[in-house]
């Protein structure tokens, strides 16, 4: 899967939010805010294909967590991206 190219992260009022760029404009009725870890993952993976294993490995490389925790968190992060329609397969 891949983060859709039309979505970019912008800082607004001290928060990092996802906005749709270009001719679609920004729909400010639905704001998706990223915490520090989500922002880091977004920046690491934007523009490239990835899967849950890669997200898990990134989490393990940055944080001291058990592999099963990293895998659970990776799957949850991807599910949230899918729910918000931010990725393409």
C-alpha atoms as a PDB file:
ATOM      1  CA  UNK A   1       0.000   0.000   0.000  1.00  0.00           C
ATOM      2  CA  UNK A   2       0.979   3.624  -0.338  1.00  0.00           C
ATOM      3  CA  UNK A   3      -0.082   6.914   1.243  1.00  0.00           C
ATOM      4  CA  UNK A   4      -2.147   8.760  -1.355  1.00  0.00           C
ATOM      5  CA  UNK A   5      -0.094  11.495  -3.011  1.00  0.00           C
ATOM      6  CA  UNK A   6      -2.826  14.126  -2.738  1.00  0.00           C
ATOM      7  CA  UNK A   7      -2.538  14.120   1.067  1.00  0.00           C
ATOM      8  CA  UNK A   8       0.107  16.238   2.770  1.00  0.00           C
ATOM      9  CA  UNK A   9       0.845  17.055   6.388  1.00  0.00           C
ATOM     10  CA  UNK A  10       0.733  20.681   7.448  1.00  0.00           C
ATOM     11  CA  UNK A  11       1.335  22.306  10.810  1.00  0.00           C
ATOM     12  CA  UNK A  12      -1.608  24.339  12.016  1.00  0.00           C
ATOM     13  CA  UNK A  13      -1.890  25.891  15.477  1.00  0.00           C
ATOM     14  CA  UNK A  14       0.864  23.624  16.789  1.00  0.00           C
ATOM     15  CA  UNK A  15      -0.787  20.434  15.477  1.00  0.00           C
ATOM     16  CA  UNK A  16       0.240  18.333  12.488  1.00  0.00           C
ATOM     17  CA  UNK A  17      -2.804  17.642  10.354  1.00  0.00           C
ATOM     18  CA  UNK A  18      -3.436  15.823   7.089  1.00  0.00           C
ATOM     19  CA  UNK A  19      -4.900  17.932   4.290  1.00  0.00           C
ATOM     20  CA  UNK A  20      -5.836  17.164   0.702  1.00  0.00           C
ATOM     21  CA  UNK A  21      -3.828  19.213  -1.778  1.00  0.00           C
ATOM     22  CA  UNK A  22      -4.550  20.482  -5.248  1.00  0.00           C
ATOM     23  CA  UNK A  23      -7.847  20.861  -7.012  1.00  0.00           C
ATOM     24  CA  UNK A  24      -9.726  19.022  -4.298  1.00  0.00           C
ATOM     25  CA  UNK A  25      -8.965  21.661  -1.673  1.00  0.00           C
ATOM     26  CA  UNK A  26      -9.025  21.099   2.044  1.00  0.00           C
ATOM     27  CA  UNK A  27     -12.119  19.729   3.726  1.00  0.00           C
ATOM     28  CA  UNK A  28     -11.816  21.293   7.152  1.00  0.00           C
ATOM     29  CA  UNK A  29     -14.977  19.569   8.388  1.00  0.00           C
ATOM     30  CA  UNK A  30     -12.872  16.470   8.987  1.00  0.00           C
ATOM     31  CA  UNK A  31      -9.418  17.046  10.442  1.00  0.00           C
ATOM     32  CA  UNK A  32      -6.956  14.209  10.899  1.00  0.00           C
ATOM     33  CA  UNK A  33      -4.313  15.078  13.482  1.00  0.00           C
ATOM     34  CA  UNK A  34      -1.096  13.095  13.786  1.00  0.00           C
ATOM     35  CA  UNK A  35       0.720  12.455  17.039  1.00  0.00           C
ATOM     36  CA  UNK A  36       4.528  12.381  17.118  1.00  0.00           C
ATOM     37  CA  UNK A  37       4.818   8.695  16.199  1.00  0.00           C
ATOM     38  CA  UNK A  38       2.199   8.868  13.439  1.00  0.00           C
ATOM     39  CA  UNK A  39       3.923  11.911  11.961  1.00  0.00           C
ATOM     40  CA  UNK A  40       7.286  10.139  12.025  1.00  0.00           C
ATOM     41  CA  UNK A  41       5.825   7.045  10.337  1.00  0.00           C
ATOM     42  CA  UNK A  42       4.064   9.226   7.747  1.00  0.00           C
ATOM     43  CA  UNK A  43       7.329  11.005   6.916  1.00  0.00           C
ATOM     44  CA  UNK A  44       9.256   7.728   6.687  1.00  0.00           C
ATOM     45  CA  UNK A  45       6.723   6.073   4.400  1.00  0.00           C
ATOM     46  CA  UNK A  46       5.295   8.848   2.246  1.00  0.00           C
ATOM     47  CA  UNK A  47       5.931   8.241  -1.445  1.00  0.00           C
ATOM     48  CA  UNK A  48       6.781   4.559  -1.136  1.00  0.00           C
ATOM     49  CA  UNK A  49       5.037   1.217  -0.910  1.00  0.00           C
ATOM     50  CA  UNK A  50       4.874  -0.381   2.534  1.00  0.00           C
ATOM     51  CA  UNK A  51       3.167  -3.096   4.521  1.00  0.00           C
ATOM     52  CA  UNK A  52       2.583  -3.923   8.187  1.00  0.00           C
ATOM     53  CA  UNK A  53       5.977  -5.633   8.457  1.00  0.00           C
ATOM     54  CA  UNK A  54       7.798  -2.494   7.357  1.00  0.00           C
ATOM     55  CA  UNK A  55       5.821  -0.317   9.768  1.00  0.00           C
ATOM     56  CA  UNK A  56       6.563  -2.809  12.549  1.00  0.00           C
ATOM     57  CA  UNK A  57      10.289  -2.762  11.749  1.00  0.00           C
ATOM     58  CA  UNK A  58      10.327   1.038  11.767  1.00  0.00           C
ATOM     59  CA  UNK A  59       8.676   1.076  15.185  1.00  0.00           C
ATOM     60  CA  UNK A  60      11.179  -1.460  16.502  1.00  0.00           C
ATOM     61  CA  UNK A  61      14.079   0.600  15.165  1.00  0.00           C
ATOM     62  CA  UNK A  62      12.921   3.729  16.974  1.00  0.00           C
ATOM     63  CA  UNK A  63      11.262   2.512  20.169  1.00  0.00           C
ATOM     64  CA  UNK A  64      12.156  -0.065  22.790  1.00  0.00           C
ATOM     65  CA  UNK A  65       9.002  -2.149  22.599  1.00  0.00           C
ATOM     66  CA  UNK A  66       8.310  -5.855  22.334  1.00  0.00           C
ATOM     67  CA  UNK A  67       7.858  -7.136  18.775  1.00  0.00           C
ATOM     68  CA  UNK A  68       4.242  -8.122  19.455  1.00  0.00           C
ATOM     69  CA  UNK A  69       3.482  -4.572  20.654  1.00  0.00           C
ATOM     70  CA  UNK A  70       5.112  -3.063  17.554  1.00  0.00           C
ATOM     71  CA  UNK A  71       3.153  -5.453  15.294  1.00  0.00           C
ATOM     72  CA  UNK A  72      -0.142  -4.617  17.020  1.00  0.00           C
ATOM     73  CA  UNK A  73       0.554  -0.893  16.784  1.00  0.00           C
ATOM     74  CA  UNK A  74       1.613  -1.171  13.124  1.00  0.00           C
ATOM     75  CA  UNK A  75      -1.620  -2.955  12.227  1.00  0.00           C
ATOM     76  CA  UNK A  76      -3.686  -0.409  14.182  1.00  0.00           C
ATOM     77  CA  UNK A  77      -1.917   2.501  12.427  1.00  0.00           C
ATOM     78  CA  UNK A  78      -2.543   0.996   9.001  1.00  0.00           C
ATOM     79  CA  UNK A  79      -6.184   0.271   9.850  1.00  0.00           C
ATOM     80  CA  UNK A  80      -6.638   3.911  10.842  1.00  0.00           C
ATOM     81  CA  UNK A  81      -5.106   5.099   7.558  1.00  0.00           C
ATOM     82  CA  UNK A  82      -7.469   2.786   5.691  1.00  0.00           C
ATOM     83  CA  UNK A  83     -10.489   3.960   7.691  1.00  0.00           C
ATOM     84  CA  UNK A  84      -9.633   7.574   6.836  1.00  0.00           C
ATOM     85  CA  UNK A  85      -9.086   6.608   3.171  1.00  0.00           C
ATOM     86  CA  UNK A  86      -5.498   7.902   3.198  1.00  0.00           C
ATOM     87  CA  UNK A  87      -3.871   4.902   1.475  1.00  0.00           C
ATOM     88  CA  UNK A  88      -4.179   3.107  -1.823  1.00  0.00           C
ATOM     89  CA  UNK A  89      -3.414  -0.538  -2.451  1.00  0.00           C
END
